[in-house]
Amino acid sequence: MNTTVQIRKKGQFTIPAAMREKLGIEENEVVSVSMIGDGAIVIIPRKLELPSLLDKTAALAKKKGISMEEMLAELDEIRHNS
């Protein structure tokens, strides 16, 4: 599902109703906003974020031969350098 939205004065935009409904995003709900590289923004409902991301991240790390300890150390370094 793709759409185009307009960015308003304070950098705000509206997530289309069909997308909110499909993701179960309700009024006043908190979402996570992340930047991927230099060209994409990802918005993830907080209630969906952790279980799904942890499973996907663990599988990808295992496939690439990266241990959980290495990954956590890298995340810690990123957090402290941001």
PDB file of N, CA and C in Angstrom:
ATOM      1  N   MET A   1       0.859  -1.174   0.000  1.00  0.00           N
ATOM      2  CA  MET A   1       0.000   0.000   0.000  1.00  0.00           C
ATOM      3  C   MET A   1       0.901   1.232   0.000  1.00  0.00           C
ATOM      4  N   ASN A   2       0.781   2.061  -1.003  1.00  0.00           N
ATOM      5  CA  ASN A   2       1.563   3.297  -1.118  1.00  0.00           C
ATOM      6  C   ASN A   2       0.625   4.477  -1.316  1.00  0.00           C
ATOM      7  N   THR A   3       1.048   5.624  -0.839  1.00  0.00           N
ATOM      8  CA  THR A   3       0.284   6.842  -1.040  1.00  0.00           C
ATOM      9  C   THR A   3       1.215   8.039  -0.914  1.00  0.00           C
ATOM     10  N   THR A   4       0.730   9.195  -1.271  1.00  0.00           N
ATOM     11  CA  THR A   4       1.486  10.439  -1.146  1.00  0.00           C
ATOM     12  C   THR A   4       0.762  11.330  -0.148  1.00  0.00           C
ATOM     13  N   VAL A   5       1.509  11.944   0.748  1.00  0.00           N
ATOM     14  CA  VAL A   5       0.919  12.859   1.729  1.00  0.00           C
ATOM     15  C   VAL A   5       1.696  14.168   1.694  1.00  0.00           C
ATOM     16  N   GLN A   6       1.075  15.222   2.189  1.00  0.00           N
ATOM     17  CA  GLN A   6       1.711  16.538   2.206  1.00  0.00           C
ATOM     18  C   GLN A   6       2.252  16.817   3.609  1.00  0.00           C
ATOM     19  N   ILE A   7       3.483  17.306   3.670  1.00  0.00           N
ATOM     20  CA  ILE A   7       4.094  17.695   4.935  1.00  0.00           C
ATOM     21  C   ILE A   7       3.645  19.106   5.256  1.00  0.00           C
ATOM     22  N   ARG A   8       3.085  19.297   6.460  1.00  0.00           N
ATOM     23  CA  ARG A   8       2.599  20.605   6.864  1.00  0.00           C
ATOM     24  C   ARG A   8       3.681  21.408   7.580  1.00  0.00           C
ATOM     25  N   LYS A   9       3.321  22.582   7.999  1.00  0.00           N
ATOM     26  CA  LYS A   9       4.224  23.583   8.555  1.00  0.00           C
ATOM     27  C   LYS A   9       5.194  23.032   9.614  1.00  0.00           C
ATOM     28  N   LYS A  10       4.723  22.265  10.545  1.00  0.00           N
ATOM     29  CA  LYS A  10       5.563  21.767  11.632  1.00  0.00           C
ATOM     30  C   LYS A  10       6.132  20.372  11.351  1.00  0.00           C
ATOM     31  N   GLY A  11       6.152  19.979  10.075  1.00  0.00           N
ATOM     32  CA  GLY A  11       6.673  18.664   9.703  1.00  0.00           C
ATOM     33  C   GLY A  11       5.667  17.549   9.911  1.00  0.00           C
ATOM     34  N   GLN A  12       4.420  17.901  10.124  1.00  0.00           N
ATOM     35  CA  GLN A  12       3.386  16.900  10.378  1.00  0.00           C
ATOM     36  C   GLN A  12       2.740  16.436   9.083  1.00  0.00           C
ATOM     37  N   PHE A  13       2.260  15.199   9.115  1.00  0.00           N
ATOM     38  CA  PHE A  13       1.465  14.680   8.006  1.00  0.00           C
ATOM     39  C   PHE A  13       0.471  13.675   8.577  1.00  0.00           C
ATOM     40  N   THR A  14      -0.529  13.342   7.779  1.00  0.00           N
ATOM     41  CA  THR A  14      -1.570  12.419   8.211  1.00  0.00           C
ATOM     42  C   THR A  14      -1.316  11.049   7.597  1.00  0.00           C
ATOM     43  N   ILE A  15      -1.310  10.035   8.438  1.00  0.00           N
ATOM     44  CA  ILE A  15      -1.248   8.663   7.937  1.00  0.00           C
ATOM     45  C   ILE A  15      -2.653   8.344   7.444  1.00  0.00           C
ATOM     46  N   PRO A  16      -2.797   7.955   6.187  1.00  0.00           N
ATOM     47  CA  PRO A  16      -4.127   7.690   5.646  1.00  0.00           C
ATOM     48  C   PRO A  16      -4.922   6.677   6.484  1.00  0.00           C
ATOM     49  N   ALA A  17      -6.225   6.897   6.543  1.00  0.00           N
ATOM     50  CA  ALA A  17      -7.111   6.076   7.370  1.00  0.00           C
ATOM     51  C   ALA A  17      -6.982   4.590   7.066  1.00  0.00           C
ATOM     52  N   ALA A  18      -6.903   4.218   5.797  1.00  0.00           N
ATOM     53  CA  ALA A  18      -6.809   2.799   5.441  1.00  0.00           C
ATOM     54  C   ALA A  18      -5.554   2.158   6.038  1.00  0.00           C
ATOM     55  N   MET A  19      -4.453   2.902   6.062  1.00  0.00           N
ATOM     56  CA  MET A  19      -3.211   2.387   6.644  1.00  0.00           C
ATOM     57  C   MET A  19      -3.330   2.282   8.158  1.00  0.00           C
ATOM     58  N   ARG A  20      -3.899   3.325   8.778  1.00  0.00           N
ATOM     59  CA  ARG A  20      -4.082   3.289  10.246  1.00  0.00           C
ATOM     60  C   ARG A  20      -4.947   2.102  10.647  1.00  0.00           C
ATOM     61  N   GLU A  21      -6.021   1.887   9.897  1.00  0.00           N
ATOM     62  CA  GLU A  21      -6.925   0.777  10.210  1.00  0.00           C
ATOM     63  C   GLU A  21      -6.225  -0.566  10.057  1.00  0.00           C
ATOM     64  N   LYS A  22      -5.492  -0.747   8.971  1.00  0.00           N
ATOM     65  CA  LYS A  22      -4.798  -2.012   8.717  1.00  0.00           C
ATOM     66  C   LYS A  22      -3.768  -2.312   9.809  1.00  0.00           C
ATOM     67  N   LEU A  23      -3.098  -1.270  10.294  1.00  0.00           N
ATOM     68  CA  LEU A  23      -2.072  -1.441  11.334  1.00  0.00           C
ATOM     69  C   LEU A  23      -2.631  -1.352  12.746  1.00  0.00           C
ATOM     70  N   GLY A  24      -3.904  -1.002  12.867  1.00  0.00           N
ATOM     71  CA  GLY A  24      -4.506  -0.888  14.194  1.00  0.00           C
ATOM     72  C   GLY A  24      -4.028   0.315  14.972  1.00  0.00           C
ATOM     73  N   ILE A  25      -3.649   1.372  14.259  1.00  0.00           N
ATOM     74  CA  ILE A  25      -3.189   2.599  14.921  1.00  0.00           C
ATOM     75  C   ILE A  25      -4.417   3.440  15.262  1.00  0.00           C
ATOM     76  N   GLU A  26      -4.539   3.761  16.538  1.00  0.00           N
ATOM     77  CA  GLU A  26      -5.679   4.549  16.989  1.00  0.00           C
ATOM     78  C   GLU A  26      -5.231   5.928  17.443  1.00  0.00           C
ATOM     79  N   GLU A  27      -6.190   6.815  17.617  1.00  0.00           N
ATOM     80  CA  GLU A  27      -5.913   8.189  18.049  1.00  0.00           C
ATOM     81  C   GLU A  27      -5.091   8.189  19.341  1.00  0.00           C
ATOM     82  N   ASN A  28      -4.109   9.070  19.393  1.00  0.00           N
ATOM     83  CA  ASN A  28      -3.214   9.269  20.535  1.00  0.00           C
ATOM     84  C   ASN A  28      -2.267   8.103  20.804  1.00  0.00           C
ATOM     85  N   GLU A  29      -2.217   7.144  19.905  1.00  0.00           N
ATOM     86  CA  GLU A  29      -1.292   6.022  20.065  1.00  0.00           C
ATOM     87  C   GLU A  29       0.120   6.478  19.733  1.00  0.00           C
ATOM     88  N   VAL A  30       1.093   5.886  20.387  1.00  0.00           N
ATOM     89  CA  VAL A  30       2.494   6.206  20.158  1.00  0.00           C
ATOM     90  C   VAL A  30       3.028   5.279  19.069  1.00  0.00           C
ATOM     91  N   VAL A  31       3.780   5.853  18.128  1.00  0.00           N
ATOM     92  CA  VAL A  31       4.435   5.069  17.085  1.00  0.00           C
ATOM     93  C   VAL A  31       5.931   5.336  17.145  1.00  0.00           C
ATOM     94  N   SER A  32       6.701   4.431  16.601  1.00  0.00           N
ATOM     95  CA  SER A  32       8.145   4.600  16.521  1.00  0.00           C
ATOM     96  C   SER A  32       8.488   5.079  15.118  1.00  0.00           C
ATOM     97  N   VAL A  33       9.320   6.118  15.020  1.00  0.00           N
ATOM     98  CA  VAL A  33       9.737   6.661  13.732  1.00  0.00           C
ATOM     99  C   VAL A  33      11.241   6.476  13.624  1.00  0.00           C
ATOM    100  N   SER A  34      11.680   5.789  12.576  1.00  0.00           N
ATOM    101  CA  SER A  34      13.102   5.504  12.388  1.00  0.00           C
ATOM    102  C   SER A  34      13.531   5.912  10.997  1.00  0.00           C
ATOM    103  N   MET A  35      14.782   6.312  10.890  1.00  0.00           N
ATOM    104  CA  MET A  35      15.351   6.649   9.599  1.00  0.00           C
ATOM    105  C   MET A  35      16.206   5.476   9.140  1.00  0.00           C
ATOM    106  N   ILE A  36      16.034   5.072   7.900  1.00  0.00           N
ATOM    107  CA  ILE A  36      16.833   3.992   7.334  1.00  0.00           C
ATOM    108  C   ILE A  36      17.726   4.608   6.270  1.00  0.00           C
ATOM    109  N   GLY A  37      19.006   4.548   6.517  1.00  0.00           N
ATOM    110  CA  GLY A  37      19.951   5.174   5.592  1.00  0.00           C
ATOM    111  C   GLY A  37      19.685   6.662   5.503  1.00  0.00           C
ATOM    112  N   ASP A  38      19.860   7.198   4.309  1.00  0.00           N
ATOM    113  CA  ASP A  38      19.642   8.629   4.104  1.00  0.00           C
ATOM    114  C   ASP A  38      18.386   8.916   3.297  1.00  0.00           C
ATOM    115  N   GLY A  39      17.525   7.891   3.071  1.00  0.00           N
ATOM    116  CA  GLY A  39      16.427   8.159   2.179  1.00  0.00           C
ATOM    117  C   GLY A  39      15.078   7.586   2.543  1.00  0.00           C
ATOM    118  N   ALA A  40      14.924   7.003   3.737  1.00  0.00           N
ATOM    119  CA  ALA A  40      13.626   6.409   4.058  1.00  0.00           C
ATOM    120  C   ALA A  40      13.290   6.602   5.536  1.00  0.00           C
ATOM    121  N   ILE A  41      12.016   6.761   5.782  1.00  0.00           N
ATOM    122  CA  ILE A  41      11.504   6.861   7.141  1.00  0.00           C
ATOM    123  C   ILE A  41      10.513   5.717   7.326  1.00  0.00           C
ATOM    124  N   VAL A  42      10.619   5.023   8.440  1.00  0.00           N
ATOM    125  CA  VAL A  42       9.717   3.916   8.746  1.00  0.00           C
ATOM    126  C   VAL A  42       8.937   4.276  10.003  1.00  0.00           C
ATOM    127  N   ILE A  43       7.624   4.076   9.951  1.00  0.00           N
ATOM    128  CA  ILE A  43       6.758   4.327  11.106  1.00  0.00           C
ATOM    129  C   ILE A  43       6.180   2.991  11.533  1.00  0.00           C
ATOM    130  N   ILE A  44       6.422   2.608  12.786  1.00  0.00           N
ATOM    131  CA  ILE A  44       5.971   1.312  13.285  1.00  0.00           C
ATOM    132  C   ILE A  44       5.135   1.518  14.540  1.00  0.00           C
ATOM    133  N   PRO A  45       3.927   0.973  14.551  1.00  0.00           N
ATOM    134  CA  PRO A  45       3.141   1.047  15.793  1.00  0.00           C
ATOM    135  C   PRO A  45       3.907   0.377  16.921  1.00  0.00           C
ATOM    136  N   ARG A  46       4.009   1.021  18.048  1.00  0.00           N
ATOM    137  CA  ARG A  46       4.787   0.481  19.170  1.00  0.00           C
ATOM    138  C   ARG A  46       4.319  -0.911  19.576  1.00  0.00           C
ATOM    139  N   LYS A  47       3.025  -1.167  19.501  1.00  0.00           N
ATOM    140  CA  LYS A  47       2.529  -2.473  19.933  1.00  0.00           C
ATOM    141  C   LYS A  47       2.969  -3.590  18.992  1.00  0.00           C
ATOM    142  N   LEU A  48       3.334  -3.262  17.752  1.00  0.00           N
ATOM    143  CA  LEU A  48       3.801  -4.261  16.801  1.00  0.00           C
ATOM    144  C   LEU A  48       5.320  -4.329  16.735  1.00  0.00           C
ATOM    145  N   GLU A  49       5.967  -3.311  17.240  1.00  0.00           N
ATOM    146  CA  GLU A  49       7.388  -3.134  17.023  1.00  0.00           C
ATOM    147  C   GLU A  49       8.270  -4.234  17.603  1.00  0.00           C
ATOM    148  N   LEU A  50       8.231  -4.460  18.878  1.00  0.00           N
ATOM    149  CA  LEU A  50       9.214  -5.329  19.499  1.00  0.00           C
ATOM    150  C   LEU A  50       9.166  -6.789  19.076  1.00  0.00           C
ATOM    151  N   PRO A  51       8.049  -7.479  19.200  1.00  0.00           N
ATOM    152  CA  PRO A  51       8.086  -8.904  18.840  1.00  0.00           C
ATOM    153  C   PRO A  51       8.522  -9.137  17.396  1.00  0.00           C
ATOM    154  N   SER A  52       7.972  -8.383  16.486  1.00  0.00           N
ATOM    155  CA  SER A  52       8.281  -8.557  15.075  1.00  0.00           C
ATOM    156  C   SER A  52       9.731  -8.186  14.770  1.00  0.00           C
ATOM    157  N   LEU A  53      10.163  -7.040  15.254  1.00  0.00           N
ATOM    158  CA  LEU A  53      11.522  -6.594  14.971  1.00  0.00           C
ATOM    159  C   LEU A  53      12.565  -7.493  15.608  1.00  0.00           C
ATOM    160  N   LEU A  54      12.304  -7.962  16.802  1.00  0.00           N
ATOM    161  CA  LEU A  54      13.266  -8.843  17.463  1.00  0.00           C
ATOM    162  C   LEU A  54      13.430 -10.154  16.697  1.00  0.00           C
ATOM    163  N   ASP A  55      12.322 -10.724  16.263  1.00  0.00           N
ATOM    164  CA  ASP A  55      12.388 -11.970  15.498  1.00  0.00           C
ATOM    165  C   ASP A  55      13.139 -11.770  14.192  1.00  0.00           C
ATOM    166  N   LYS A  56      12.802 -10.716  13.472  1.00  0.00           N
ATOM    167  CA  LYS A  56      13.453 -10.448  12.189  1.00  0.00           C
ATOM    168  C   LYS A  56      14.931 -10.130  12.368  1.00  0.00           C
ATOM    169  N   THR A  57      15.252  -9.346  13.389  1.00  0.00           N
ATOM    170  CA  THR A  57      16.639  -8.973  13.638  1.00  0.00           C
ATOM    171  C   THR A  57      17.473 -10.180  14.032  1.00  0.00           C
ATOM    172  N   ALA A  58      16.934 -11.013  14.899  1.00  0.00           N
ATOM    173  CA  ALA A  58      17.660 -12.208  15.323  1.00  0.00           C
ATOM    174  C   ALA A  58      17.927 -13.137  14.142  1.00  0.00           C
ATOM    175  N   ALA A  59      16.933 -13.322  13.275  1.00  0.00           N
ATOM    176  CA  ALA A  59      17.103 -14.193  12.111  1.00  0.00           C
ATOM    177  C   ALA A  59      18.159 -13.632  11.158  1.00  0.00           C
ATOM    178  N   LEU A  60      18.113 -12.329  10.917  1.00  0.00           N
ATOM    179  CA  LEU A  60      19.079 -11.700  10.022  1.00  0.00           C
ATOM    180  C   LEU A  60      20.497 -11.775  10.603  1.00  0.00           C
ATOM    181  N   ALA A  61      20.618 -11.512  11.903  1.00  0.00           N
ATOM    182  CA  ALA A  61      21.930 -11.571  12.554  1.00  0.00           C
ATOM    183  C   ALA A  61      22.508 -12.984  12.468  1.00  0.00           C
ATOM    184  N   LYS A  62      21.673 -13.979  12.723  1.00  0.00           N
ATOM    185  CA  LYS A  62      22.125 -15.374  12.661  1.00  0.00           C
ATOM    186  C   LYS A  62      22.595 -15.719  11.253  1.00  0.00           C
ATOM    187  N   LYS A  63      21.829 -15.284  10.257  1.00  0.00           N
ATOM    188  CA  LYS A  63      22.166 -15.538   8.858  1.00  0.00           C
ATOM    189  C   LYS A  63      23.514 -14.920   8.487  1.00  0.00           C
ATOM    190  N   LYS A  64      23.803 -13.744   9.068  1.00  0.00           N
ATOM    191  CA  LYS A  64      25.049 -13.046   8.753  1.00  0.00           C
ATOM    192  C   LYS A  64      26.192 -13.411   9.704  1.00  0.00           C
ATOM    193  N   GLY A  65      25.925 -14.326  10.642  1.00  0.00           N
ATOM    194  CA  GLY A  65      26.970 -14.766  11.563  1.00  0.00           C
ATOM    195  C   GLY A  65      27.297 -13.752  12.643  1.00  0.00           C
ATOM    196  N   ILE A  66      26.332 -12.918  12.989  1.00  0.00           N
ATOM    197  CA  ILE A  66      26.542 -11.902  14.024  1.00  0.00           C
ATOM    198  C   ILE A  66      25.883 -12.388  15.304  1.00  0.00           C
ATOM    199  N   SER A  67      26.629 -12.351  16.402  1.00  0.00           N
ATOM    200  CA  SER A  67      26.062 -12.793  17.680  1.00  0.00           C
ATOM    201  C   SER A  67      25.193 -11.691  18.277  1.00  0.00           C
ATOM    202  N   MET A  68      24.292 -12.082  19.161  1.00  0.00           N
ATOM    203  CA  MET A  68      23.433 -11.118  19.843  1.00  0.00           C
ATOM    204  C   MET A  68      24.287 -10.130  20.645  1.00  0.00           C
ATOM    205  N   GLU A  69      25.363 -10.614  21.240  1.00  0.00           N
ATOM    206  CA  GLU A  69      26.246  -9.745  22.019  1.00  0.00           C
ATOM    207  C   GLU A  69      26.888  -8.676  21.132  1.00  0.00           C
ATOM    208  N   GLU A  70      27.331  -9.079  19.936  1.00  0.00           N
ATOM    209  CA  GLU A  70      27.929  -8.117  19.000  1.00  0.00           C
ATOM    210  C   GLU A  70      26.907  -7.069  18.569  1.00  0.00           C
ATOM    211  N   MET A  71      25.708  -7.532  18.311  1.00  0.00           N
ATOM    212  CA  MET A  71      24.661  -6.619  17.876  1.00  0.00           C
ATOM    213  C   MET A  71      24.305  -5.622  18.981  1.00  0.00           C
ATOM    214  N   LEU A  72      24.168  -6.104  20.204  1.00  0.00           N
ATOM    215  CA  LEU A  72      23.838  -5.220  21.316  1.00  0.00           C
ATOM    216  C   LEU A  72      24.958  -4.225  21.582  1.00  0.00           C
ATOM    217  N   ALA A  73      26.202  -4.667  21.443  1.00  0.00           N
ATOM    218  CA  ALA A  73      27.337  -3.761  21.630  1.00  0.00           C
ATOM    219  C   ALA A  73      27.320  -2.656  20.579  1.00  0.00           C
ATOM    220  N   GLU A  74      27.005  -3.025  19.333  1.00  0.00           N
ATOM    221  CA  GLU A  74      26.924  -2.037  18.254  1.00  0.00           C
ATOM    222  C   GLU A  74      25.797  -1.033  18.514  1.00  0.00           C
ATOM    223  N   LEU A  75      24.630  -1.534  18.951  1.00  0.00           N
ATOM    224  CA  LEU A  75      23.518  -0.637  19.264  1.00  0.00           C
ATOM    225  C   LEU A  75      23.872   0.307  20.398  1.00  0.00           C
ATOM    226  N   ASP A  76      24.558  -0.208  21.400  1.00  0.00           N
ATOM    227  CA  ASP A  76      24.970   0.628  22.526  1.00  0.00           C
ATOM    228  C   ASP A  76      25.918   1.728  22.054  1.00  0.00           C
ATOM    229  N   GLU A  77      26.835   1.373  21.170  1.00  0.00           N
ATOM    230  CA  GLU A  77      27.767   2.365  20.622  1.00  0.00           C
ATOM    231  C   GLU A  77      27.025   3.430  19.821  1.00  0.00           C
ATOM    232  N   ILE A  78      26.066   3.013  19.015  1.00  0.00           N
ATOM    233  CA  ILE A  78      25.275   3.962  18.210  1.00  0.00           C
ATOM    234  C   ILE A  78      24.524   4.909  19.128  1.00  0.00           C
ATOM    235  N   ARG A  79      23.902   4.385  20.181  1.00  0.00           N
ATOM    236  CA  ARG A  79      23.145   5.224  21.115  1.00  0.00           C
ATOM    237  C   ARG A  79      24.031   6.254  21.773  1.00  0.00           C
ATOM    238  N   HIS A  80      25.238   5.870  22.137  1.00  0.00           N
ATOM    239  CA  HIS A  80      26.130   6.799  22.833  1.00  0.00           C
ATOM    240  C   HIS A  80      26.768   7.829  21.890  1.00  0.00           C
ATOM    241  N   ASN A  81      26.814   7.537  20.618  1.00  0.00           N
ATOM    242  CA  ASN A  81      27.404   8.459  19.659  1.00  0.00           C
ATOM    243  C   ASN A  81      26.378   9.349  18.970  1.00  0.00           C
ATOM    244  N   SER A  82      25.120   9.150  19.265  1.00  0.00           N
ATOM    245  CA  SER A  82      24.064   9.951  18.609  1.00  0.00           C
ATOM    246  C   SER A  82      23.768  11.209  19.373  1.00  0.00           C
TER     247      SER A  82
END
